[in-house]
Amino acid sequence: MTDSVTLEDVYKELKRLEEKMVTREDVEALVDSVEILGNPQTMKALHKSDQDIKAGRIKEVTSVEDMLDEL
């Protein structure tokens, strides 16, 4: 006697596979992260930004005009 497979079985298996799949967006985000982490200048700028935030050297910008005024 052969085992039968229902549509529900197939659906459950497809959902299980889908949960383990890596999406194109996941891969693109990983590539972006590797590029950022691999760029010493970008990492230096991020580190400086973290220091500025911790030291309170920040200014709130609530509009495009505020941002343009800072330039």
C-alpha atoms as a PDB file:
ATOM      1  CA  MET A   1       0.000   0.000   0.000  1.00  0.00           C
ATOM      2  CA  THR A   2       1.378   3.431  -0.906  1.00  0.00           C
ATOM      3  CA  ASP A   3       1.234   6.406   1.366  1.00  0.00           C
ATOM      4  CA  SER A   4      -1.006   9.187   0.165  1.00  0.00           C
ATOM      5  CA  VAL A   5      -0.078  12.835   0.330  1.00  0.00           C
ATOM      6  CA  THR A   6      -2.719  15.468   0.830  1.00  0.00           C
ATOM      7  CA  LEU A   7      -2.659  19.061  -0.321  1.00  0.00           C
ATOM      8  CA  GLU A   8      -2.424  20.041   3.325  1.00  0.00           C
ATOM      9  CA  ASP A   9       0.762  17.946   3.668  1.00  0.00           C
ATOM     10  CA  VAL A  10       2.254  19.655   0.644  1.00  0.00           C
ATOM     11  CA  TYR A  11       1.260  23.081   1.959  1.00  0.00           C
ATOM     12  CA  LYS A  12       2.807  22.400   5.370  1.00  0.00           C
ATOM     13  CA  GLU A  13       6.040  21.210   3.768  1.00  0.00           C
ATOM     14  CA  LEU A  14       6.194  24.276   1.513  1.00  0.00           C
ATOM     15  CA  LYS A  15       5.644  26.568   4.521  1.00  0.00           C
ATOM     16  CA  ARG A  16       8.420  24.757   6.403  1.00  0.00           C
ATOM     17  CA  LEU A  17      10.786  25.249   3.462  1.00  0.00           C
ATOM     18  CA  GLU A  18       9.756  28.878   3.071  1.00  0.00           C
ATOM     19  CA  GLU A  19      10.680  29.585   6.697  1.00  0.00           C
ATOM     20  CA  LYS A  20      14.225  28.400   6.007  1.00  0.00           C
ATOM     21  CA  MET A  21      14.678  30.229   2.698  1.00  0.00           C
ATOM     22  CA  VAL A  22      16.953  33.202   2.326  1.00  0.00           C
ATOM     23  CA  THR A  23      15.368  36.023   0.373  1.00  0.00           C
ATOM     24  CA  ARG A  24      17.051  38.273  -2.142  1.00  0.00           C
ATOM     25  CA  GLU A  25      16.548  41.145   0.328  1.00  0.00           C
ATOM     26  CA  ASP A  26      18.376  39.148   3.014  1.00  0.00           C
ATOM     27  CA  VAL A  27      21.335  38.602   0.693  1.00  0.00           C
ATOM     28  CA  GLU A  28      21.399  42.256  -0.378  1.00  0.00           C
ATOM     29  CA  ALA A  29      21.337  43.383   3.260  1.00  0.00           C
ATOM     30  CA  LEU A  30      24.194  41.017   4.072  1.00  0.00           C
ATOM     31  CA  VAL A  31      26.254  42.330   1.143  1.00  0.00           C
ATOM     32  CA  ASP A  32      25.566  45.916   2.262  1.00  0.00           C
ATOM     33  CA  SER A  33      26.668  45.069   5.802  1.00  0.00           C
ATOM     34  CA  VAL A  34      29.871  43.423   4.577  1.00  0.00           C
ATOM     35  CA  GLU A  35      30.650  46.464   2.416  1.00  0.00           C
ATOM     36  CA  ILE A  36      30.100  48.839   5.339  1.00  0.00           C
ATOM     37  CA  LEU A  37      32.092  46.724   7.796  1.00  0.00           C
ATOM     38  CA  GLY A  38      34.879  46.303   5.251  1.00  0.00           C
ATOM     39  CA  ASN A  39      35.277  50.035   4.637  1.00  0.00           C
ATOM     40  CA  PRO A  40      37.657  51.566   7.220  1.00  0.00           C
ATOM     41  CA  GLN A  41      36.585  55.149   6.441  1.00  0.00           C
ATOM     42  CA  THR A  42      32.907  54.351   6.930  1.00  0.00           C
ATOM     43  CA  MET A  43      33.610  52.485  10.165  1.00  0.00           C
ATOM     44  CA  LYS A  44      35.682  55.415  11.429  1.00  0.00           C
ATOM     45  CA  ALA A  45      32.823  57.821  10.642  1.00  0.00           C
ATOM     46  CA  LEU A  46      30.311  55.551  12.397  1.00  0.00           C
ATOM     47  CA  HIS A  47      32.564  55.280  15.449  1.00  0.00           C
ATOM     48  CA  LYS A  48      32.922  59.087  15.567  1.00  0.00           C
ATOM     49  CA  SER A  49      29.149  59.453  15.278  1.00  0.00           C
ATOM     50  CA  ASP A  50      28.683  57.097  18.231  1.00  0.00           C
ATOM     51  CA  GLN A  51      31.148  59.151  20.269  1.00  0.00           C
ATOM     52  CA  ASP A  52      29.364  62.400  19.326  1.00  0.00           C
ATOM     53  CA  ILE A  53      26.009  60.964  20.389  1.00  0.00           C
ATOM     54  CA  LYS A  54      27.407  59.717  23.718  1.00  0.00           C
ATOM     55  CA  ALA A  55      29.007  63.106  24.344  1.00  0.00           C
ATOM     56  CA  GLY A  56      25.756  64.939  23.553  1.00  0.00           C
ATOM     57  CA  ARG A  57      27.122  66.608  20.431  1.00  0.00           C
ATOM     58  CA  ILE A  58      23.882  66.296  18.524  1.00  0.00           C
ATOM     59  CA  LYS A  59      21.289  68.653  17.116  1.00  0.00           C
ATOM     60  CA  GLU A  60      17.694  67.759  16.429  1.00  0.00           C
ATOM     61  CA  VAL A  61      16.598  68.400  12.873  1.00  0.00           C
ATOM     62  CA  THR A  62      12.857  68.470  12.378  1.00  0.00           C
ATOM     63  CA  SER A  63      12.578  69.845   8.868  1.00  0.00           C
ATOM     64  CA  VAL A  64      14.391  70.164   5.578  1.00  0.00           C
ATOM     65  CA  GLU A  65      14.932  73.842   6.365  1.00  0.00           C
ATOM     66  CA  ASP A  66      16.689  72.930   9.627  1.00  0.00           C
ATOM     67  CA  MET A  67      18.919  70.538   7.738  1.00  0.00           C
ATOM     68  CA  LEU A  68      19.754  73.111   5.050  1.00  0.00           C
ATOM     69  CA  ASP A  69      20.550  75.695   7.725  1.00  0.00           C
ATOM     70  CA  GLU A  70      23.238  73.344   9.043  1.00  0.00           C
ATOM     71  CA  LEU A  71      25.036  73.240   5.690  1.00  0.00           C
END
